[in-house]
Amino acid sequence: MASVLECSYEFERRGGSISLCSITVITKPTPS
């Protein structure tokens, strides 16, 4: 995506199973 400067993710595991994925997206400054 043109507005995305960087994206990353990390997994949270419980008992070896992935329970959650946190996605971080750094974007060009966008009026909000």
Full PDB file with SEQRES, HELIX, SHEET, SSBOND, CRYST1, ORIGX, SCALE, CONECT and MASTER records, all heavy atoms in Angstrom:
SEQRES   1 A   32  MET ALA SER VAL LEU GLU CYS SER TYR GLU PHE GLU ARG          
SEQRES   2 A   32  ARG GLY GLY SER ILE SER LEU CYS SER ILE THR VAL ILE          
SEQRES   3 A   32  THR LYS PRO THR PRO SER                                      
SHEET    1 AA1 2 VAL A   4  ARG A  14  0                                        
SHEET    2 AA1 2 SER A  17  THR A  27 -1                                        
CRYST1    1.000    1.000    1.000  90.00  90.00  90.00 P 1           1          
ORIGX1      1.000000  0.000000  0.000000        0.00000                         
ORIGX2      0.000000  1.000000  0.000000        0.00000                         
ORIGX3      0.000000  0.000000  1.000000        0.00000                         
SCALE1      1.000000  0.000000  0.000000        0.00000                         
SCALE2      0.000000  1.000000  0.000000        0.00000                         
SCALE3      0.000000  0.000000  1.000000        0.00000                         
ATOM      1  N   MET A   1       0.842  -1.198   0.000  1.00  0.00           N  
ATOM      2  CA  MET A   1       0.000   0.000   0.000  1.00  0.00           C  
ATOM      3  C   MET A   1       0.881   1.253   0.000  1.00  0.00           C  
ATOM      4  O   MET A   1       1.860   1.332   0.748  1.00  0.00           O  
ATOM      5  CB  MET A   1      -0.926   0.003   1.216  1.00  0.00           C  
ATOM      6  CG  MET A   1      -1.939  -1.121   1.199  1.00  0.00           C  
ATOM      7  SD  MET A   1      -2.945  -1.211   2.688  1.00  0.00           S  
ATOM      8  CE  MET A   1      -3.890   0.285   2.510  1.00  0.00           C  
ATOM      9  N   ALA A   2       0.525   2.219  -0.820  1.00  0.00           N  
ATOM     10  CA  ALA A   2       1.334   3.428  -0.981  1.00  0.00           C  
ATOM     11  C   ALA A   2       1.473   4.216   0.321  1.00  0.00           C  
ATOM     12  O   ALA A   2       2.515   4.826   0.571  1.00  0.00           O  
ATOM     13  CB  ALA A   2       0.734   4.311  -2.072  1.00  0.00           C  
ATOM     14  N   SER A   3       0.463   4.203   1.165  1.00  0.00           N  
ATOM     15  CA  SER A   3       0.504   4.999   2.396  1.00  0.00           C  
ATOM     16  C   SER A   3       1.265   4.321   3.532  1.00  0.00           C  
ATOM     17  O   SER A   3       1.556   4.946   4.549  1.00  0.00           O  
ATOM     18  CB  SER A   3      -0.918   5.304   2.865  1.00  0.00           C  
ATOM     19  OG  SER A   3      -1.597   4.097   3.169  1.00  0.00           O  
ATOM     20  N   VAL A   4       1.612   3.051   3.366  1.00  0.00           N  
ATOM     21  CA  VAL A   4       2.287   2.306   4.429  1.00  0.00           C  
ATOM     22  C   VAL A   4       3.795   2.449   4.298  1.00  0.00           C  
ATOM     23  O   VAL A   4       4.383   2.130   3.265  1.00  0.00           O  
ATOM     24  CB  VAL A   4       1.874   0.812   4.403  1.00  0.00           C  
ATOM     25  CG1 VAL A   4       2.698  -0.005   5.380  1.00  0.00           C  
ATOM     26  CG2 VAL A   4       0.390   0.678   4.697  1.00  0.00           C  
ATOM     27  N   LEU A   5       4.415   2.940   5.383  1.00  0.00           N  
ATOM     28  CA  LEU A   5       5.870   3.076   5.412  1.00  0.00           C  
ATOM     29  C   LEU A   5       6.532   1.815   5.950  1.00  0.00           C  
ATOM     30  O   LEU A   5       7.626   1.451   5.533  1.00  0.00           O  
ATOM     31  CB  LEU A   5       6.269   4.272   6.276  1.00  0.00           C  
ATOM     32  CG  LEU A   5       5.721   5.633   5.836  1.00  0.00           C  
ATOM     33  CD1 LEU A   5       6.087   6.698   6.866  1.00  0.00           C  
ATOM     34  CD2 LEU A   5       6.246   5.993   4.456  1.00  0.00           C  
ATOM     35  N   GLU A   6       5.870   1.166   6.893  1.00  0.00           N  
ATOM     36  CA  GLU A   6       6.445  -0.012   7.538  1.00  0.00           C  
ATOM     37  C   GLU A   6       5.331  -0.808   8.199  1.00  0.00           C  
ATOM     38  O   GLU A   6       4.370  -0.233   8.712  1.00  0.00           O  
ATOM     39  CB  GLU A   6       7.438   0.454   8.605  1.00  0.00           C  
ATOM     40  CG  GLU A   6       8.077  -0.613   9.433  1.00  0.00           C  
ATOM     41  CD  GLU A   6       8.989  -0.007  10.493  1.00  0.00           C  
ATOM     42  OE1 GLU A   6       9.869   0.796  10.150  1.00  0.00           O  
ATOM     43  OE2 GLU A   6       8.799  -0.345  11.671  1.00  0.00           O  
ATOM     44  N   CYS A   7       5.448  -2.125   8.177  1.00  0.00           N  
ATOM     45  CA  CYS A   7       4.492  -2.949   8.914  1.00  0.00           C  
ATOM     46  C   CYS A   7       5.244  -4.118   9.543  1.00  0.00           C  
ATOM     47  O   CYS A   7       6.257  -4.572   9.022  1.00  0.00           O  
ATOM     48  CB  CYS A   7       3.345  -3.427   8.031  1.00  0.00           C  
ATOM     49  SG  CYS A   7       3.819  -4.311   6.551  1.00  0.00           S  
ATOM     50  N   SER A   8       4.741  -4.542  10.679  1.00  0.00           N  
ATOM     51  CA  SER A   8       5.361  -5.660  11.388  1.00  0.00           C  
ATOM     52  C   SER A   8       4.273  -6.400  12.152  1.00  0.00           C  
ATOM     53  O   SER A   8       3.147  -5.924  12.285  1.00  0.00           O  
ATOM     54  CB  SER A   8       6.430  -5.157  12.363  1.00  0.00           C  
ATOM     55  OG  SER A   8       5.842  -4.352  13.370  1.00  0.00           O  
ATOM     56  N   TYR A   9       4.606  -7.579  12.624  1.00  0.00           N  
ATOM     57  CA  TYR A   9       3.659  -8.327  13.438  1.00  0.00           C  
ATOM     58  C   TYR A   9       4.398  -9.196  14.422  1.00  0.00           C  
ATOM     59  O   TYR A   9       5.587  -9.491  14.252  1.00  0.00           O  
ATOM     60  CB  TYR A   9       2.699  -9.149  12.579  1.00  0.00           C  
ATOM     61  CG  TYR A   9       3.316 -10.218  11.710  1.00  0.00           C  
ATOM     62  CD1 TYR A   9       3.368 -11.531  12.155  1.00  0.00           C  
ATOM     63  CD2 TYR A   9       3.811  -9.932  10.453  1.00  0.00           C  
ATOM     64  CE1 TYR A   9       3.909 -12.533  11.356  1.00  0.00           C  
ATOM     65  CE2 TYR A   9       4.357 -10.917   9.646  1.00  0.00           C  
ATOM     66  CZ  TYR A   9       4.403 -12.211  10.104  1.00  0.00           C  
ATOM     67  OH  TYR A   9       4.940 -13.191   9.316  1.00  0.00           O  
ATOM     68  N   GLU A  10       3.689  -9.558  15.477  1.00  0.00           N  
ATOM     69  CA  GLU A  10       4.247 -10.471  16.470  1.00  0.00           C  
ATOM     70  C   GLU A  10       3.148 -11.400  16.941  1.00  0.00           C  
ATOM     71  O   GLU A  10       1.970 -11.036  16.937  1.00  0.00           O  
ATOM     72  CB  GLU A  10       4.867  -9.712  17.636  1.00  0.00           C  
ATOM     73  CG  GLU A  10       3.956  -8.767  18.339  1.00  0.00           C  
ATOM     74  CD  GLU A  10       4.679  -7.910  19.359  1.00  0.00           C  
ATOM     75  OE1 GLU A  10       5.496  -7.074  18.964  1.00  0.00           O  
ATOM     76  OE2 GLU A  10       4.412  -8.101  20.561  1.00  0.00           O  
ATOM     77  N   PHE A  11       3.555 -12.603  17.314  1.00  0.00           N  
ATOM     78  CA  PHE A  11       2.600 -13.613  17.749  1.00  0.00           C  
ATOM     79  C   PHE A  11       2.699 -13.800  19.253  1.00  0.00           C  
ATOM     80  O   PHE A  11       3.787 -13.847  19.807  1.00  0.00           O  
ATOM     81  CB  PHE A  11       2.893 -14.964  17.073  1.00  0.00           C  
ATOM     82  CG  PHE A  11       2.679 -14.948  15.588  1.00  0.00           C  
ATOM     83  CD1 PHE A  11       3.748 -15.075  14.720  1.00  0.00           C  
ATOM     84  CD2 PHE A  11       1.406 -14.799  15.062  1.00  0.00           C  
ATOM     85  CE1 PHE A  11       3.549 -15.062  13.351  1.00  0.00           C  
ATOM     86  CE2 PHE A  11       1.204 -14.785  13.690  1.00  0.00           C  
ATOM     87  CZ  PHE A  11       2.282 -14.921  12.831  1.00  0.00           C  
ATOM     88  N   GLU A  12       1.536 -13.937  19.879  1.00  0.00           N  
ATOM     89  CA  GLU A  12       1.472 -14.300  21.286  1.00  0.00           C  
ATOM     90  C   GLU A  12       1.125 -15.771  21.336  1.00  0.00           C  
ATOM     91  O   GLU A  12       0.204 -16.221  20.646  1.00  0.00           O  
ATOM     92  CB  GLU A  12       0.389 -13.476  21.978  1.00  0.00           C  
ATOM     93  CG  GLU A  12       0.249 -13.768  23.448  1.00  0.00           C  
ATOM     94  CD  GLU A  12      -0.828 -12.910  24.092  1.00  0.00           C  
ATOM     95  OE1 GLU A  12      -0.910 -11.710  23.768  1.00  0.00           O  
ATOM     96  OE2 GLU A  12      -1.602 -13.463  24.903  1.00  0.00           O  
ATOM     97  N   ARG A  13       1.874 -16.520  22.106  1.00  0.00           N  
ATOM     98  CA  ARG A  13       1.653 -17.965  22.205  1.00  0.00           C  
ATOM     99  C   ARG A  13       1.270 -18.347  23.621  1.00  0.00           C  
ATOM    100  O   ARG A  13       1.765 -17.773  24.577  1.00  0.00           O  
ATOM    101  CB  ARG A  13       2.906 -18.741  21.797  1.00  0.00           C  
ATOM    102  CG  ARG A  13       3.263 -18.557  20.334  1.00  0.00           C  
ATOM    103  CD  ARG A  13       4.559 -19.311  19.986  1.00  0.00           C  
ATOM    104  NE  ARG A  13       4.996 -18.983  18.653  1.00  0.00           N  
ATOM    105  CZ  ARG A  13       4.661 -19.655  17.561  1.00  0.00           C  
ATOM    106  NH1 ARG A  13       3.883 -20.710  17.664  1.00  0.00           N  
ATOM    107  NH2 ARG A  13       5.097 -19.281  16.374  1.00  0.00           N  
ATOM    108  N   ARG A  14       0.402 -19.335  23.699  1.00  0.00           N  
ATOM    109  CA  ARG A  14       0.003 -19.907  24.988  1.00  0.00           C  
ATOM    110  C   ARG A  14       0.059 -21.414  24.846  1.00  0.00           C  
ATOM    111  O   ARG A  14      -0.641 -21.967  24.006  1.00  0.00           O  
ATOM    112  CB  ARG A  14      -1.400 -19.457  25.364  1.00  0.00           C  
ATOM    113  CG  ARG A  14      -1.465 -17.971  25.620  1.00  0.00           C  
ATOM    114  CD  ARG A  14      -2.807 -17.552  26.122  1.00  0.00           C  
ATOM    115  NE  ARG A  14      -2.798 -16.102  26.247  1.00  0.00           N  
ATOM    116  CZ  ARG A  14      -3.864 -15.363  26.269  1.00  0.00           C  
ATOM    117  NH1 ARG A  14      -5.048 -15.917  26.178  1.00  0.00           N  
ATOM    118  NH2 ARG A  14      -3.781 -14.057  26.392  1.00  0.00           N  
ATOM    119  N   GLY A  15       0.889 -22.033  25.634  1.00  0.00           N  
ATOM    120  CA  GLY A  15       1.024 -23.481  25.556  1.00  0.00           C  
ATOM    121  C   GLY A  15       1.480 -23.958  24.188  1.00  0.00           C  
ATOM    122  O   GLY A  15       1.106 -25.030  23.754  1.00  0.00           O  
ATOM    123  N   GLY A  16       2.266 -23.127  23.486  1.00  0.00           N  
ATOM    124  CA  GLY A  16       2.772 -23.482  22.165  1.00  0.00           C  
ATOM    125  C   GLY A  16       1.850 -23.100  21.019  1.00  0.00           C  
ATOM    126  O   GLY A  16       2.248 -23.101  19.863  1.00  0.00           O  
ATOM    127  N   SER A  17       0.610 -22.768  21.315  1.00  0.00           N  
ATOM    128  CA  SER A  17      -0.344 -22.387  20.276  1.00  0.00           C  
ATOM    129  C   SER A  17      -0.388 -20.869  20.133  1.00  0.00           C  
ATOM    130  O   SER A  17      -0.371 -20.149  21.132  1.00  0.00           O  
ATOM    131  CB  SER A  17      -1.744 -22.878  20.628  1.00  0.00           C  
ATOM    132  OG  SER A  17      -1.785 -24.283  20.641  1.00  0.00           O  
ATOM    133  N   ILE A  18      -0.460 -20.403  18.906  1.00  0.00           N  
ATOM    134  CA  ILE A  18      -0.603 -18.967  18.678  1.00  0.00           C  
ATOM    135  C   ILE A  18      -2.012 -18.576  19.099  1.00  0.00           C  
ATOM    136  O   ILE A  18      -2.996 -19.161  18.643  1.00  0.00           O  
ATOM    137  CB  ILE A  18      -0.368 -18.602  17.197  1.00  0.00           C  
ATOM    138  CG1 ILE A  18       1.062 -18.954  16.784  1.00  0.00           C  
ATOM    139  CG2 ILE A  18      -0.655 -17.120  16.965  1.00  0.00           C  
ATOM    140  CD1 ILE A  18       1.327 -18.809  15.299  1.00  0.00           C  
ATOM    141  N   SER A  19      -2.102 -17.581  19.976  1.00  0.00           N  
ATOM    142  CA  SER A  19      -3.411 -17.148  20.454  1.00  0.00           C  
ATOM    143  C   SER A  19      -3.797 -15.775  19.920  1.00  0.00           C  
ATOM    144  O   SER A  19      -4.977 -15.426  19.918  1.00  0.00           O  
ATOM    145  CB  SER A  19      -3.441 -17.126  21.989  1.00  0.00           C  
ATOM    146  OG  SER A  19      -2.438 -16.270  22.488  1.00  0.00           O  
ATOM    147  N   LEU A  20      -2.802 -15.013  19.443  1.00  0.00           N  
ATOM    148  CA  LEU A  20      -3.077 -13.650  19.011  1.00  0.00           C  
ATOM    149  C   LEU A  20      -1.930 -13.151  18.140  1.00  0.00           C  
ATOM    150  O   LEU A  20      -0.771 -13.483  18.381  1.00  0.00           O  
ATOM    151  CB  LEU A  20      -3.195 -12.747  20.244  1.00  0.00           C  
ATOM    152  CG  LEU A  20      -3.719 -11.348  20.069  1.00  0.00           C  
ATOM    153  CD1 LEU A  20      -5.216 -11.380  19.759  1.00  0.00           C  
ATOM    154  CD2 LEU A  20      -3.475 -10.542  21.339  1.00  0.00           C  
ATOM    155  N   CYS A  21      -2.264 -12.348  17.143  1.00  0.00           N  
ATOM    156  CA  CYS A  21      -1.258 -11.682  16.321  1.00  0.00           C  
ATOM    157  C   CYS A  21      -1.502 -10.177  16.439  1.00  0.00           C  
ATOM    158  O   CYS A  21      -2.617  -9.709  16.224  1.00  0.00           O  
ATOM    159  CB  CYS A  21      -1.384 -12.101  14.857  1.00  0.00           C  
ATOM    160  SG  CYS A  21      -0.184 -11.278  13.777  1.00  0.00           S  
ATOM    161  N   SER A  22      -0.461  -9.441  16.824  1.00  0.00           N  
ATOM    162  CA  SER A  22      -0.535  -7.980  16.878  1.00  0.00           C  
ATOM    163  C   SER A  22       0.162  -7.429  15.645  1.00  0.00           C  
ATOM    164  O   SER A  22       1.329  -7.738  15.401  1.00  0.00           O  
ATOM    165  CB  SER A  22       0.140  -7.440  18.133  1.00  0.00           C  
ATOM    166  OG  SER A  22      -0.564  -7.847  19.274  1.00  0.00           O  
ATOM    167  N   ILE A  23      -0.571  -6.628  14.881  1.00  0.00           N  
ATOM    168  CA  ILE A  23      -0.065  -6.054  13.637  1.00  0.00           C  
ATOM    169  C   ILE A  23       0.166  -4.567  13.863  1.00  0.00           C  
ATOM    170  O   ILE A  23      -0.742  -3.864  14.307  1.00  0.00           O  
ATOM    171  CB  ILE A  23      -1.092  -6.247  12.503  1.00  0.00           C  
ATOM    172  CG1 ILE A  23      -1.352  -7.732  12.277  1.00  0.00           C  
ATOM    173  CG2 ILE A  23      -0.637  -5.547  11.227  1.00  0.00           C  
ATOM    174  CD1 ILE A  23      -2.572  -7.998  11.422  1.00  0.00           C  
ATOM    175  N   THR A  24       1.375  -4.096  13.564  1.00  0.00           N  
ATOM    176  CA  THR A  24       1.697  -2.681  13.684  1.00  0.00           C  
ATOM    177  C   THR A  24       1.946  -2.123  12.295  1.00  0.00           C  
ATOM    178  O   THR A  24       2.737  -2.675  11.538  1.00  0.00           O  
ATOM    179  CB  THR A  24       2.940  -2.459  14.563  1.00  0.00           C  
ATOM    180  OG1 THR A  24       2.696  -3.024  15.855  1.00  0.00           O  
ATOM    181  CG2 THR A  24       3.272  -0.987  14.707  1.00  0.00           C  
ATOM    182  N   VAL A  25       1.253  -1.031  11.972  1.00  0.00           N  
ATOM    183  CA  VAL A  25       1.382  -0.390  10.661  1.00  0.00           C  
ATOM    184  C   VAL A  25       1.761   1.069  10.875  1.00  0.00           C  
ATOM    185  O   VAL A  25       1.035   1.811  11.539  1.00  0.00           O  
ATOM    186  CB  VAL A  25       0.062  -0.476   9.864  1.00  0.00           C  
ATOM    187  CG1 VAL A  25       0.219   0.166   8.494  1.00  0.00           C  
ATOM    188  CG2 VAL A  25      -0.398  -1.924   9.729  1.00  0.00           C  
ATOM    189  N   ILE A  26       2.912   1.460  10.333  1.00  0.00           N  
ATOM    190  CA  ILE A  26       3.366   2.850  10.360  1.00  0.00           C  
ATOM    191  C   ILE A  26       3.025   3.438   8.996  1.00  0.00           C  
ATOM    192  O   ILE A  26       3.415   2.883   7.970  1.00  0.00           O  
ATOM    193  CB  ILE A  26       4.883   2.956  10.637  1.00  0.00           C  
ATOM    194  CG1 ILE A  26       5.263   2.196  11.916  1.00  0.00           C  
ATOM    195  CG2 ILE A  26       5.315   4.414  10.692  1.00  0.00           C  
ATOM    196  CD1 ILE A  26       4.598   2.683  13.180  1.00  0.00           C  
ATOM    197  N   THR A  27       2.285   4.545   9.008  1.00  0.00           N  
ATOM    198  CA  THR A  27       1.817   5.137   7.758  1.00  0.00           C  
ATOM    199  C   THR A  27       2.352   6.555   7.581  1.00  0.00           C  
ATOM    200  O   THR A  27       2.818   7.177   8.534  1.00  0.00           O  
ATOM    201  CB  THR A  27       0.275   5.208   7.719  1.00  0.00           C  
ATOM    202  OG1 THR A  27      -0.175   6.055   8.772  1.00  0.00           O  
ATOM    203  CG2 THR A  27      -0.347   3.836   7.856  1.00  0.00           C  
ATOM    204  N   LYS A  28       2.253   7.021   6.361  1.00  0.00           N  
ATOM    205  CA  LYS A  28       2.505   8.434   6.118  1.00  0.00           C  
ATOM    206  C   LYS A  28       1.476   9.209   6.933  1.00  0.00           C  
ATOM    207  O   LYS A  28       0.339   8.752   7.076  1.00  0.00           O  
ATOM    208  CB  LYS A  28       2.345   8.757   4.631  1.00  0.00           C  
ATOM    209  CG  LYS A  28       3.379   8.088   3.754  1.00  0.00           C  
ATOM    210  CD  LYS A  28       3.113   8.399   2.287  1.00  0.00           C  
ATOM    211  CE  LYS A  28       4.124   7.672   1.414  1.00  0.00           C  
ATOM    212  NZ  LYS A  28       3.827   7.845  -0.019  1.00  0.00           N  
ATOM    213  N   PRO A  29       1.857  10.365   7.495  1.00  0.00           N  
ATOM    214  CA  PRO A  29       0.884  11.144   8.267  1.00  0.00           C  
ATOM    215  C   PRO A  29      -0.366  11.445   7.440  1.00  0.00           C  
ATOM    216  O   PRO A  29      -0.287  11.955   6.331  1.00  0.00           O  
ATOM    217  CB  PRO A  29       1.650  12.424   8.607  1.00  0.00           C  
ATOM    218  CG  PRO A  29       3.097  12.009   8.584  1.00  0.00           C  
ATOM    219  CD  PRO A  29       3.184  10.982   7.478  1.00  0.00           C  
ATOM    220  N   THR A  30      -1.516  11.057   7.997  1.00  0.00           N  
ATOM    221  CA  THR A  30      -2.792  11.204   7.307  1.00  0.00           C  
ATOM    222  C   THR A  30      -3.750  11.996   8.194  1.00  0.00           C  
ATOM    223  O   THR A  30      -3.948  11.628   9.362  1.00  0.00           O  
ATOM    224  CB  THR A  30      -3.402   9.806   7.038  1.00  0.00           C  
ATOM    225  OG1 THR A  30      -2.453   9.016   6.334  1.00  0.00           O  
ATOM    226  CG2 THR A  30      -4.688   9.905   6.254  1.00  0.00           C  
ATOM    227  N   PRO A  31      -4.362  13.077   7.676  1.00  0.00           N  
ATOM    228  CA  PRO A  31      -5.324  13.827   8.483  1.00  0.00           C  
ATOM    229  C   PRO A  31      -6.391  12.893   9.050  1.00  0.00           C  
ATOM    230  O   PRO A  31      -6.914  12.029   8.346  1.00  0.00           O  
ATOM    231  CB  PRO A  31      -5.935  14.818   7.498  1.00  0.00           C  
ATOM    232  CG  PRO A  31      -4.884  14.987   6.449  1.00  0.00           C  
ATOM    233  CD  PRO A  31      -4.218  13.638   6.326  1.00  0.00           C  
ATOM    234  N   SER A  32      -6.673  13.060  10.337  1.00  0.00           N  
ATOM    235  CA  SER A  32      -7.616  12.169  11.004  1.00  0.00           C  
ATOM    236  C   SER A  32      -8.436  12.945  12.028  1.00  0.00           C  
ATOM    237  O   SER A  32      -8.160  12.892  13.224  1.00  0.00           O  
ATOM    238  CB  SER A  32      -6.840  11.031  11.672  1.00  0.00           C  
ATOM    239  OG  SER A  32      -7.710  10.109  12.250  1.00  0.00           O  
TER     240      SER A  32                                                      
MASTER        0    0    0    0    2    0    0    6  239    1    0    3          
END                                                                             
